[in-house]
C-alpha atoms as a PDB file:
ATOM      1  CA  MET A   1      73.681 114.709 100.650  1.00  0.00           C
ATOM      2  CA  SER A   2      75.649 112.897 103.359  1.00  0.00           C
ATOM      3  CA  GLN A   3      78.230 114.698 105.451  1.00  0.00           C
ATOM      4  CA  HIS A   4      81.908 114.275 104.522  1.00  0.00           C
ATOM      5  CA  PHE A   5      83.817 112.061 106.960  1.00  0.00           C
ATOM      6  CA  LEU A   6      86.392 114.748 107.757  1.00  0.00           C
ATOM      7  CA  LEU A   7      83.578 117.072 108.865  1.00  0.00           C
ATOM      8  CA  SER A   8      82.152 114.533 111.306  1.00  0.00           C
ATOM      9  CA  ALA A   9      82.984 114.126 114.982  1.00  0.00           C
ATOM     10  CA  ALA A  10      84.296 110.607 114.245  1.00  0.00           C
ATOM     11  CA  ALA A  11      87.280 112.147 112.436  1.00  0.00           C
ATOM     12  CA  ARG A  12      88.323 114.143 115.524  1.00  0.00           C
ATOM     13  CA  THR A  13      89.328 111.627 118.180  1.00  0.00           C
ATOM     14  CA  LEU A  14      92.456 113.432 119.403  1.00  0.00           C
ATOM     15  CA  SER A  15      93.102 117.126 119.897  1.00  0.00           C
ATOM     16  CA  LEU A  16      96.288 118.989 120.710  1.00  0.00           C
ATOM     17  CA  ALA A  17      94.551 120.330 123.822  1.00  0.00           C
ATOM     18  CA  SER A  18      93.984 116.789 125.090  1.00  0.00           C
ATOM     19  CA  VAL A  19      97.682 115.987 124.636  1.00  0.00           C
ATOM     20  CA  VAL A  20      98.643 119.107 126.603  1.00  0.00           C
ATOM     21  CA  ARG A  21      96.286 118.090 129.420  1.00  0.00           C
ATOM     22  CA  MET A  22      97.775 114.573 129.678  1.00  0.00           C
ATOM     23  CA  SER A  23      99.911 113.779 132.696  1.00  0.00           C
ATOM     24  CA  ASP A  24     103.481 112.525 132.210  1.00  0.00           C
ATOM     25  CA  GLU A  25     102.330 109.016 133.124  1.00  0.00           C
ATOM     26  CA  GLU A  26      99.558 109.073 130.530  1.00  0.00           C
ATOM     27  CA  VAL A  27     101.991 110.177 127.815  1.00  0.00           C
ATOM     28  CA  GLU A  28     104.383 107.402 128.808  1.00  0.00           C
ATOM     29  CA  ARG A  29     101.565 104.842 128.633  1.00  0.00           C
ATOM     30  CA  VAL A  30     100.761 105.897 125.063  1.00  0.00           C
ATOM     31  CA  PHE A  31     104.328 105.160 123.936  1.00  0.00           C
ATOM     32  CA  VAL A  32     104.573 101.966 126.020  1.00  0.00           C
ATOM     33  CA  ARG A  33     101.261 100.664 124.656  1.00  0.00           C
ATOM     34  CA  LEU A  34     102.282 101.235 121.046  1.00  0.00           C
ATOM     35  CA  ARG A  35     105.932 100.189 121.459  1.00  0.00           C
ATOM     36  CA  TRP A  36     105.009  96.772 122.893  1.00  0.00           C
ATOM     37  CA  GLN A  37     101.567  96.248 121.389  1.00  0.00           C
ATOM     38  CA  ASP A  38     102.617  92.718 120.397  1.00  0.00           C
ATOM     39  CA  ASN A  39     102.928  91.948 124.138  1.00  0.00           C
ATOM     40  CA  LYS A  40      99.664  93.605 125.250  1.00  0.00           C
ATOM     41  CA  GLY A  41     101.512  96.775 126.203  1.00  0.00           C
ATOM     42  CA  GLU A  42     103.898  95.042 128.617  1.00  0.00           C
ATOM     43  CA  ALA A  43     107.572  96.005 128.291  1.00  0.00           C
ATOM     44  CA  TYR A  44     110.224  93.441 127.380  1.00  0.00           C
ATOM     45  CA  CYS A  45     113.950  93.770 126.760  1.00  0.00           C
ATOM     46  CA  PRO A  46     114.782  95.075 123.244  1.00  0.00           C
ATOM     47  CA  HIS A  47     118.295  93.599 123.539  1.00  0.00           C
ATOM     48  CA  CYS A  48     117.609  89.948 124.362  1.00  0.00           C
ATOM     49  CA  GLY A  49     113.804  89.749 124.238  1.00  0.00           C
ATOM     50  CA  CYS A  50     113.463  88.647 127.857  1.00  0.00           C
ATOM     51  CA  PRO A  51     109.952  89.452 129.213  1.00  0.00           C
ATOM     52  CA  THR A  52     111.133  89.657 132.821  1.00  0.00           C
ATOM     53  CA  VAL A  53     111.998  93.298 133.412  1.00  0.00           C
ATOM     54  CA  TYR A  54     111.534  95.644 136.342  1.00  0.00           C
ATOM     55  CA  MET A  55     111.258  99.397 136.731  1.00  0.00           C
ATOM     56  CA  ALA A  56     114.500 101.307 137.335  1.00  0.00           C
ATOM     57  CA  ARG A  57     113.225 104.867 137.038  1.00  0.00           C
ATOM     58  CA  ARG A  58     115.911 107.564 137.055  1.00  0.00           C
ATOM     59  CA  PRO A  59     116.070 110.078 139.946  1.00  0.00           C
ATOM     60  CA  HIS A  60     114.894 112.896 137.648  1.00  0.00           C
ATOM     61  CA  GLY A  61     111.834 110.873 136.688  1.00  0.00           C
ATOM     62  CA  ALA A  62     112.794 109.382 133.307  1.00  0.00           C
ATOM     63  CA  THR A  63     111.246 105.954 132.737  1.00  0.00           C
ATOM     64  CA  ARG A  64     113.773 103.118 132.599  1.00  0.00           C
ATOM     65  CA  TRP A  65     113.556  99.344 132.847  1.00  0.00           C
ATOM     66  CA  ARG A  66     116.247  96.802 133.660  1.00  0.00           C
ATOM     67  CA  CYS A  67     116.328  93.329 132.124  1.00  0.00           C
ATOM     68  CA  LYS A  68     116.700  90.462 134.590  1.00  0.00           C
ATOM     69  CA  ALA A  69     118.509  88.297 132.005  1.00  0.00           C
ATOM     70  CA  CYS A  70     121.095  90.600 130.390  1.00  0.00           C
ATOM     71  CA  ARG A  71     121.006  93.325 133.110  1.00  0.00           C
ATOM     72  CA  LYS A  72     120.847  96.102 130.515  1.00  0.00           C
ATOM     73  CA  ASP A  73     118.817  99.255 131.063  1.00  0.00           C
ATOM     74  CA  PHE A  74     116.442 100.532 128.398  1.00  0.00           C
ATOM     75  CA  SER A  75     113.756 103.166 127.941  1.00  0.00           C
ATOM     76  CA  VAL A  76     110.581 103.234 125.873  1.00  0.00           C
ATOM     77  CA  THR A  77     112.505 104.824 122.970  1.00  0.00           C
ATOM     78  CA  SER A  78     115.674 102.679 123.135  1.00  0.00           C
ATOM     79  CA  GLY A  79     116.555 101.303 119.708  1.00  0.00           C
ATOM     80  CA  THR A  80     113.806 103.292 117.944  1.00  0.00           C
ATOM     81  CA  LEU A  81     113.639 106.337 115.680  1.00  0.00           C
ATOM     82  CA  PHE A  82     113.322 108.520 118.782  1.00  0.00           C
ATOM     83  CA  ALA A  83     116.322 107.014 120.562  1.00  0.00           C
ATOM     84  CA  PHE A  84     118.656 109.426 122.394  1.00  0.00           C
ATOM     85  CA  HIS A  85     115.850 111.974 122.613  1.00  0.00           C
ATOM     86  CA  LYS A  86     116.425 115.083 124.737  1.00  0.00           C
ATOM     87  CA  MET A  87     112.950 116.611 124.705  1.00  0.00           C
ATOM     88  CA  PRO A  88     110.201 115.215 126.953  1.00  0.00           C
ATOM     89  CA  LEU A  89     107.934 112.555 125.473  1.00  0.00           C
ATOM     90  CA  ARG A  90     105.032 115.004 125.588  1.00  0.00           C
ATOM     91  CA  SER A  91     106.795 117.178 122.990  1.00  0.00           C
ATOM     92  CA  TYR A  92     107.139 114.199 120.650  1.00  0.00           C
ATOM     93  CA  LEU A  93     103.496 113.272 121.026  1.00  0.00           C
ATOM     94  CA  MET A  94     102.504 116.906 120.418  1.00  0.00           C
ATOM     95  CA  ALA A  95     104.739 117.023 117.338  1.00  0.00           C
ATOM     96  CA  ILE A  96     103.131 113.864 115.915  1.00  0.00           C
ATOM     97  CA  ALA A  97      99.625 115.208 116.621  1.00  0.00           C
ATOM     98  CA  ILE A  98     100.449 118.504 114.883  1.00  0.00           C
ATOM     99  CA  PHE A  99     102.055 116.657 111.971  1.00  0.00           C
ATOM    100  CA  ALA A 100      99.117 114.270 111.533  1.00  0.00           C
ATOM    101  CA  ASN A 101      96.478 117.006 111.661  1.00  0.00           C
ATOM    102  CA  GLU A 102      97.959 118.753 108.620  1.00  0.00           C
ATOM    103  CA  VAL A 103      96.416 117.250 105.494  1.00  0.00           C
ATOM    104  CA  LYS A 104      98.940 118.627 102.981  1.00  0.00           C
ATOM    105  CA  GLY A 105     102.106 118.578 105.098  1.00  0.00           C
ATOM    106  CA  LYS A 106     103.652 120.658 107.853  1.00  0.00           C
ATOM    107  CA  SER A 107     106.228 123.415 107.519  1.00  0.00           C
ATOM    108  CA  MET A 108     109.260 122.645 109.659  1.00  0.00           C
ATOM    109  CA  LEU A 109     109.611 126.337 110.504  1.00  0.00           C
ATOM    110  CA  ALA A 110     106.000 126.387 111.748  1.00  0.00           C
ATOM    111  CA  LEU A 111     106.617 123.168 113.694  1.00  0.00           C
ATOM    112  CA  SER A 112     109.601 124.754 115.440  1.00  0.00           C
ATOM    113  CA  ARG A 113     107.396 127.668 116.484  1.00  0.00           C
ATOM    114  CA  ASP A 114     104.637 125.359 117.731  1.00  0.00           C
ATOM    115  CA  LEU A 115     107.071 123.346 119.860  1.00  0.00           C
ATOM    116  CA  GLY A 116     109.303 126.245 120.909  1.00  0.00           C
ATOM    117  CA  THR A 117     112.434 124.559 119.528  1.00  0.00           C
ATOM    118  CA  GLN A 118     115.184 125.509 117.126  1.00  0.00           C
ATOM    119  CA  TYR A 119     114.477 125.042 113.433  1.00  0.00           C
ATOM    120  CA  LYS A 120     117.056 122.273 113.098  1.00  0.00           C
ATOM    121  CA  THR A 121     115.362 120.297 115.902  1.00  0.00           C
ATOM    122  CA  ALA A 122     112.023 120.481 114.074  1.00  0.00           C
ATOM    123  CA  PHE A 123     113.797 119.683 110.778  1.00  0.00           C
ATOM    124  CA  VAL A 124     115.232 116.399 112.065  1.00  0.00           C
ATOM    125  CA  LEU A 125     112.051 115.488 113.951  1.00  0.00           C
ATOM    126  CA  ALA A 126     109.869 116.007 110.863  1.00  0.00           C
ATOM    127  CA  TYR A 127     112.167 113.850 108.731  1.00  0.00           C
ATOM    128  CA  LYS A 128     112.117 111.094 111.336  1.00  0.00           C
ATOM    129  CA  MET A 129     108.316 111.088 111.164  1.00  0.00           C
ATOM    130  CA  ARG A 130     108.523 110.911 107.362  1.00  0.00           C
ATOM    131  CA  GLU A 131     110.950 108.028 107.715  1.00  0.00           C
ATOM    132  CA  ALA A 132     108.423 106.241 109.930  1.00  0.00           C
ATOM    133  CA  MET A 133     105.714 106.780 107.313  1.00  0.00           C
ATOM    134  CA  SER A 134     108.017 105.554 104.554  1.00  0.00           C
ATOM    135  CA  ALA A 135     108.571 102.245 106.367  1.00  0.00           C
ATOM    136  CA  GLU A 136     104.911 101.423 105.751  1.00  0.00           C
ATOM    137  CA  VAL A 137     104.732 102.891 102.235  1.00  0.00           C
ATOM    138  CA  ARG A 138     107.791 100.945 101.010  1.00  0.00           C
ATOM    139  CA  GLN A 139     106.136  97.635 101.883  1.00  0.00           C
ATOM    140  CA  THR A 140     103.046  98.395  99.833  1.00  0.00           C
ATOM    141  CA  ALA A 141     101.940  95.596  97.493  1.00  0.00           C
ATOM    142  CA  ILE A 142     100.259  96.791  94.300  1.00  0.00           C
ATOM    143  CA  GLY A 143      97.800  94.985  92.086  1.00  0.00           C
ATOM    144  CA  GLY A 144      96.882  91.402  91.403  1.00  0.00           C
ATOM    145  CA  GLU A 145      94.301  89.510  89.392  1.00  0.00           C
ATOM    146  CA  GLY A 146      91.233  91.636  88.726  1.00  0.00           C
ATOM    147  CA  LYS A 147      92.784  94.771  90.232  1.00  0.00           C
ATOM    148  CA  ARG A 148      93.461  98.089  88.535  1.00  0.00           C
ATOM    149  CA  ALA A 149      96.210 100.644  89.115  1.00  0.00           C
ATOM    150  CA  GLU A 150      97.169 104.009  87.669  1.00  0.00           C
ATOM    151  CA  VAL A 151     100.649 105.229  86.739  1.00  0.00           C
ATOM    152  CA  ASP A 152     101.728 108.829  86.334  1.00  0.00           C
ATOM    153  CA  GLY A 153     104.739 111.089  86.804  1.00  0.00           C
ATOM    154  CA  GLY A 154     105.279 114.617  88.093  1.00  0.00           C
ATOM    155  CA  TYR A 155     108.479 116.683  87.957  1.00  0.00           C
ATOM    156  CA  PHE A 156     109.884 118.516  90.995  1.00  0.00           C
ATOM    157  CA  GLY A 157     112.931 120.654  91.737  1.00  0.00           C
ATOM    158  CA  GLY A 158     115.552 122.069  89.382  1.00  0.00           C
ATOM    159  CA  TYR A 159     113.776 125.401  88.950  1.00  0.00           C
ATOM    160  CA  VAL A 160     115.598 127.842  86.663  1.00  0.00           C
ATOM    161  CA  LYS A 161     114.719 131.460  87.343  1.00  0.00           C
ATOM    162  CA  PRO A 162     113.985 133.430  84.148  1.00  0.00           C
ATOM    163  CA  ALA A 163     116.135 136.441  83.357  1.00  0.00           C
ATOM    164  CA  ASN A 164     114.801 139.897  84.171  1.00  0.00           C
ATOM    165  CA  ARG A 165     114.831 141.324  80.644  1.00  0.00           C
ATOM    166  CA  ARG A 166     112.795 139.553  78.000  1.00  0.00           C
ATOM    167  CA  GLU A 167     115.590 139.568  75.426  1.00  0.00           C
ATOM    168  CA  ASP A 168     117.869 137.726  77.879  1.00  0.00           C
ATOM    169  CA  ARG A 169     115.408 134.924  78.610  1.00  0.00           C
ATOM    170  CA  LYS A 170     116.030 131.414  77.306  1.00  0.00           C
ATOM    171  CA  ASP A 171     113.706 128.539  76.469  1.00  0.00           C
ATOM    172  CA  ARG A 172     113.797 126.554  79.715  1.00  0.00           C
ATOM    173  CA  ARG A 173     112.163 123.567  78.021  1.00  0.00           C
ATOM    174  CA  LEU A 174     115.443 122.817  76.235  1.00  0.00           C
ATOM    175  CA  ARG A 175     117.817 120.488  78.065  1.00  0.00           C
ATOM    176  CA  ARG A 176     120.842 122.770  77.631  1.00  0.00           C
ATOM    177  CA  HIS A 177     119.029 125.508  79.552  1.00  0.00           C
ATOM    178  CA  GLN A 178     117.981 123.262  82.463  1.00  0.00           C
ATOM    179  CA  SER A 179     119.788 122.830  85.762  1.00  0.00           C
ATOM    180  CA  GLY A 180     119.993 119.018  85.610  1.00  0.00           C
ATOM    181  CA  LYS A 181     118.541 118.768  89.136  1.00  0.00           C
ATOM    182  CA  ARG A 182     114.951 118.206  88.075  1.00  0.00           C
ATOM    183  CA  LYS A 183     113.593 114.750  88.959  1.00  0.00           C
ATOM    184  CA  VAL A 184     110.325 112.963  88.393  1.00  0.00           C
ATOM    185  CA  VAL A 185     108.168 111.353  91.057  1.00  0.00           C
ATOM    186  CA  VAL A 186     106.447 108.321  89.513  1.00  0.00           C
ATOM    187  CA  VAL A 187     103.445 107.070  91.443  1.00  0.00           C
ATOM    188  CA  ILE A 188     101.623 103.745  91.198  1.00  0.00           C
ATOM    189  CA  ARG A 189      98.162 104.053  92.728  1.00  0.00           C
ATOM    190  CA  GLU A 190      95.832 101.098  92.996  1.00  0.00           C
ATOM    191  CA  ARG A 191      92.152 101.942  92.690  1.00  0.00           C
ATOM    192  CA  GLY A 192      90.637 101.341  96.090  1.00  0.00           C
ATOM    193  CA  GLY A 193      94.081 100.386  97.409  1.00  0.00           C
ATOM    194  CA  LYS A 194      97.470 101.794  98.313  1.00  0.00           C
ATOM    195  CA  THR A 195      99.884 104.319  96.815  1.00  0.00           C
ATOM    196  CA  LEU A 196     103.550 103.672  95.999  1.00  0.00           C
ATOM    197  CA  PRO A 197     105.880 106.478  94.778  1.00  0.00           C
ATOM    198  CA  GLY A 198     109.445 106.428  93.467  1.00  0.00           C
ATOM    199  CA  VAL A 199     111.940 109.091  92.335  1.00  0.00           C
ATOM    200  CA  PHE A 200     113.815 108.869  89.021  1.00  0.00           C
ATOM    201  CA  ARG A 201     115.654 111.046  86.508  1.00  0.00           C
ATOM    202  CA  ASN A 202     112.891 110.555  83.949  1.00  0.00           C
ATOM    203  CA  GLU A 203     109.756 108.474  83.482  1.00  0.00           C
ATOM    204  CA  ALA A 204     111.482 105.867  81.315  1.00  0.00           C
ATOM    205  CA  ASP A 205     113.819 104.973  84.217  1.00  0.00           C
ATOM    206  CA  ALA A 206     110.780 103.977  86.273  1.00  0.00           C
ATOM    207  CA  LEU A 207     109.760 101.050  84.051  1.00  0.00           C
ATOM    208  CA  THR A 208     111.812  98.481  85.983  1.00  0.00           C
ATOM    209  CA  PHE A 209     110.392  99.805  89.261  1.00  0.00           C
ATOM    210  CA  ILE A 210     106.844  99.397  87.942  1.00  0.00           C
ATOM    211  CA  ARG A 211     107.453  95.885  86.605  1.00  0.00           C
ATOM    212  CA  GLN A 212     108.951  94.774  89.932  1.00  0.00           C
ATOM    213  CA  ARG A 213     106.290  96.258  92.211  1.00  0.00           C
ATOM    214  CA  VAL A 214     103.087  95.614  90.228  1.00  0.00           C
ATOM    215  CA  ALA A 215     101.661  92.105  89.876  1.00  0.00           C
ATOM    216  CA  PRO A 216     101.521  90.933  86.209  1.00  0.00           C
ATOM    217  CA  GLN A 217      97.742  90.347  86.241  1.00  0.00           C
ATOM    218  CA  THR A 218      97.059  94.006  87.070  1.00  0.00           C
ATOM    219  CA  THR A 219      95.276  96.290  84.615  1.00  0.00           C
ATOM    220  CA  LEU A 220      97.215  99.546  84.277  1.00  0.00           C
ATOM    221  CA  TYR A 221      96.057 103.025  83.286  1.00  0.00           C
ATOM    222  CA  ALA A 222      98.401 105.737  82.041  1.00  0.00           C
ATOM    223  CA  ASP A 223      98.393 108.961  80.070  1.00  0.00           C
ATOM    224  CA  GLU A 224      99.634 109.499  76.520  1.00  0.00           C
ATOM    225  CA  ALA A 225     103.350 109.871  77.423  1.00  0.00           C
ATOM    226  CA  ALA A 226     105.562 107.668  75.237  1.00  0.00           C
ATOM    227  CA  SER A 227     107.509 106.536  78.316  1.00  0.00           C
ATOM    228  CA  TRP A 228     104.703 104.117  79.242  1.00  0.00           C
ATOM    229  CA  ASN A 229     104.553 102.352  75.845  1.00  0.00           C
ATOM    230  CA  ALA A 230     106.818  99.514  77.014  1.00  0.00           C
ATOM    231  CA  LEU A 231     104.352  98.552  79.778  1.00  0.00           C
ATOM    232  CA  ALA A 232     101.908  97.191  77.185  1.00  0.00           C
ATOM    233  CA  GLY A 233     104.082  94.100  76.729  1.00  0.00           C
ATOM    234  CA  ARG A 234     103.580  92.984  80.339  1.00  0.00           C
ATOM    235  CA  PHE A 235     100.264  94.479  81.453  1.00  0.00           C
ATOM    236  CA  THR A 236      96.827  95.185  80.059  1.00  0.00           C
ATOM    237  CA  LEU A 237      97.323  98.902  79.470  1.00  0.00           C
ATOM    238  CA  HIS A 238      94.652 101.550  78.901  1.00  0.00           C
ATOM    239  CA  ARG A 239      95.709 105.023  77.769  1.00  0.00           C
ATOM    240  CA  ILE A 240      94.060 108.429  77.920  1.00  0.00           C
ATOM    241  CA  ASN A 241      95.073 111.557  76.033  1.00  0.00           C
ATOM    242  CA  HIS A 242      94.624 114.495  78.402  1.00  0.00           C
ATOM    243  CA  GLU A 243      94.526 116.919  75.480  1.00  0.00           C
ATOM    244  CA  GLU A 244      91.202 115.336  74.546  1.00  0.00           C
ATOM    245  CA  ALA A 245      89.672 114.319  77.895  1.00  0.00           C
ATOM    246  CA  TYR A 246      90.465 113.669  81.542  1.00  0.00           C
ATOM    247  CA  ARG A 247      88.105 110.699  81.799  1.00  0.00           C
ATOM    248  CA  LEU A 248      86.529 108.366  79.255  1.00  0.00           C
ATOM    249  CA  ARG A 249      83.034 107.034  79.942  1.00  0.00           C
ATOM    250  CA  ASP A 250      83.870 103.561  78.655  1.00  0.00           C
ATOM    251  CA  GLU A 251      83.641 100.107  80.215  1.00  0.00           C
ATOM    252  CA  ALA A 252      87.290 100.248  81.300  1.00  0.00           C
ATOM    253  CA  GLN A 253      86.712 103.572  83.125  1.00  0.00           C
ATOM    254  CA  THR A 254      89.864 104.987  81.591  1.00  0.00           C
ATOM    255  CA  HIS A 255      91.401 107.807  83.631  1.00  0.00           C
ATOM    256  CA  THR A 256      94.341 108.585  85.914  1.00  0.00           C
ATOM    257  CA  ASN A 257      92.442 110.854  88.308  1.00  0.00           C
ATOM    258  CA  ASN A 258      93.567 108.960  91.417  1.00  0.00           C
ATOM    259  CA  ALA A 259      97.237 109.406  90.518  1.00  0.00           C
ATOM    260  CA  GLU A 260      96.550 113.053  89.696  1.00  0.00           C
ATOM    261  CA  GLY A 261      94.930 113.416  93.130  1.00  0.00           C
ATOM    262  CA  PHE A 262      98.188 112.282  94.742  1.00  0.00           C
ATOM    263  CA  PHE A 263     100.146 114.925  92.827  1.00  0.00           C
ATOM    264  CA  SER A 264      97.551 117.531  93.732  1.00  0.00           C
ATOM    265  CA  ARG A 265      98.191 116.872  97.428  1.00  0.00           C
ATOM    266  CA  MET A 266     101.963 116.861  96.944  1.00  0.00           C
ATOM    267  CA  ARG A 267     101.943 120.087  94.881  1.00  0.00           C
ATOM    268  CA  ARG A 268      99.846 121.882  97.463  1.00  0.00           C
ATOM    269  CA  GLY A 269     102.245 120.766 100.155  1.00  0.00           C
ATOM    270  CA  GLU A 270     105.159 122.071  98.108  1.00  0.00           C
ATOM    271  CA  ILE A 271     103.556 125.415  97.268  1.00  0.00           C
ATOM    272  CA  GLY A 272     101.791 126.112 100.553  1.00  0.00           C
ATOM    273  CA  HIS A 273     104.154 124.665 103.171  1.00  0.00           C
ATOM    274  CA  HIS A 274     107.603 123.584 101.999  1.00  0.00           C
ATOM    275  CA  HIS A 275     108.157 125.866  98.950  1.00  0.00           C
ATOM    276  CA  HIS A 276     111.017 123.630  97.790  1.00  0.00           C
ATOM    277  CA  VAL A 277     111.139 119.821  97.661  1.00  0.00           C
ATOM    278  CA  ALA A 278     114.032 118.355  95.725  1.00  0.00           C
ATOM    279  CA  GLY A 279     117.278 116.421  95.870  1.00  0.00           C
ATOM    280  CA  PRO A 280     117.796 113.468  98.235  1.00  0.00           C
ATOM    281  CA  TYR A 281     114.807 114.535 100.373  1.00  0.00           C
ATOM    282  CA  LEU A 282     112.272 114.325  97.527  1.00  0.00           C
ATOM    283  CA  ILE A 283     111.498 110.642  98.066  1.00  0.00           C
ATOM    284  CA  ARG A 284     110.576 111.266 101.719  1.00  0.00           C
ATOM    285  CA  PHE A 285     108.137 114.041 100.769  1.00  0.00           C
ATOM    286  CA  ALA A 286     106.598 111.728  98.141  1.00  0.00           C
ATOM    287  CA  GLN A 287     106.247 108.893 100.662  1.00  0.00           C
ATOM    288  CA  GLU A 288     104.705 111.273 103.187  1.00  0.00           C
ATOM    289  CA  ALA A 289     102.140 112.418 100.596  1.00  0.00           C
ATOM    290  CA  ALA A 290     101.376 108.770  99.743  1.00  0.00           C
ATOM    291  CA  TRP A 291     100.867 107.886 103.419  1.00  0.00           C
ATOM    292  CA  ARG A 292      98.570 110.865 103.958  1.00  0.00           C
ATOM    293  CA  GLU A 293      96.588 109.984 100.839  1.00  0.00           C
ATOM    294  CA  ASP A 294      96.131 106.357 101.941  1.00  0.00           C
ATOM    295  CA  HIS A 295      95.021 107.263 105.485  1.00  0.00           C
ATOM    296  CA  LYS A 296      93.058 110.436 104.832  1.00  0.00           C
ATOM    297  CA  ARG A 297      89.745 108.825 105.825  1.00  0.00           C
ATOM    298  CA  GLU A 298      90.969 107.644 109.207  1.00  0.00           C
ATOM    299  CA  ALA A 299      90.370 109.476 112.476  1.00  0.00           C
ATOM    300  CA  ASN A 300      93.256 111.706 113.476  1.00  0.00           C
ATOM    301  CA  GLY A 301      93.735 109.758 116.714  1.00  0.00           C
ATOM    302  CA  SER A 302      94.243 106.576 114.690  1.00  0.00           C
ATOM    303  CA  GLN A 303      96.754 108.378 112.464  1.00  0.00           C
ATOM    304  CA  VAL A 304      98.743 109.541 115.496  1.00  0.00           C
ATOM    305  CA  ASP A 305      98.767 106.020 116.957  1.00  0.00           C
ATOM    306  CA  ARG A 306      99.929 104.600 113.645  1.00  0.00           C
ATOM    307  CA  ILE A 307     102.814 107.090 113.317  1.00  0.00           C
ATOM    308  CA  VAL A 308     103.920 106.473 116.923  1.00  0.00           C
ATOM    309  CA  ALA A 309     103.791 102.705 116.374  1.00  0.00           C
ATOM    310  CA  LEU A 310     105.842 102.993 113.168  1.00  0.00           C
ATOM    311  CA  ALA A 311     108.429 105.198 114.892  1.00  0.00           C
ATOM    312  CA  MET A 312     108.675 102.718 117.776  1.00  0.00           C
ATOM    313  CA  ALA A 313     109.053  99.774 115.374  1.00  0.00           C
ATOM    314  CA  ASN A 314     111.901 101.319 113.345  1.00  0.00           C
ATOM    315  CA  LYS A 315     115.543 101.439 114.362  1.00  0.00           C
ATOM    316  CA  PRO A 316     117.445 104.742 114.828  1.00  0.00           C
ATOM    317  CA  SER A 317     117.606 106.782 111.650  1.00  0.00           C
ATOM    318  CA  VAL A 318     120.701 106.224 109.525  1.00  0.00           C
ATOM    319  CA  ASP A 319     120.342 109.664 107.949  1.00  0.00           C
ATOM    320  CA  PHE A 320     119.307 111.803 110.915  1.00  0.00           C
ATOM    321  CA  CYS A 321     120.673 110.176 114.082  1.00  0.00           C
ATOM    322  CA  GLY A 322     123.395 112.684 115.048  1.00  0.00           C
ATOM    323  CA  TYR A 323     122.760 114.622 111.826  1.00  0.00           C
ATOM    324  CA  TRP A 324     123.851 118.053 113.063  1.00  0.00           C
ATOM    325  CA  GLN A 325     126.631 116.683 115.238  1.00  0.00           C
ATOM    326  CA  ARG A 326     128.275 115.136 112.182  1.00  0.00           C
ATOM    327  CA  GLY A 327     128.050 118.536 110.509  1.00  0.00           C
ATOM    328  CA  HIS A 328     129.915 120.182 113.395  1.00  0.00           C
ATOM    329  CA  ALA A 329     132.566 117.451 113.389  1.00  0.00           C
ATOM    330  CA  ALA A 330     133.249 118.049 109.698  1.00  0.00           C
END
């Protein structure tokens, strides 16, 4: 029996110890190389695009460039998700390495302890990394002629704690006894391809999302839930009743095990690390789980490079740039 990829040396191309041993210049080169990889790692002005820039390093050592055309100063993180950063670049690279090495997710409280920062610093940093991951997940194309994809839904949040005494407990399956905060994550997972999640009030609300993001020639697989009945009018749809079997040994290979594998990863992240994923943040946790599932067979060094490159390619976060400062102002 062959060795699993994650157990091989090829899966371990970057360690936290190696990041700690890097010099400040080496850490800077990592961000510069991935920020301007379209220009062979050579800096150019993010304001006007001029390639003629020169070093204008600050007295305290911070890397800065000055554009010869527009005369504006910029750093390696200017105009990116990590803009206006206050921690050294080494801390960001360490945070990304720690975040990437966790296969089910990373607790923000544990991240704050690893980095020696306040919880709210780790909170915002973790969500910025999820936002970087989501930029790639949102652009995922699903299906096409001859391709197969699975559709499934899983409910998160809105937990109602049962009463202490048995006679006071209510049937939480009834809508009148629910909190109204429970939402469903609907995932579309192409076999041998990418994963695309979305968050909705119920599975039926996801039908438009599925029709828009899945090519019409795709063969779909779903469980016995009545919510998916309407998909049969647009796609070739195979169904499986999980009360009878999890997989049918037929020519169509009818099952939704790949979609269930995504929810397995997300549930373990919720139970073991986060303990509560719900509300407006649920979509980011789902996109993080999808990104981890799609890149789980890549070396951890490649995962770190990809996250850094995505963070450098995205503009400052709308949700978390000055997040706590806005809270104080209110």
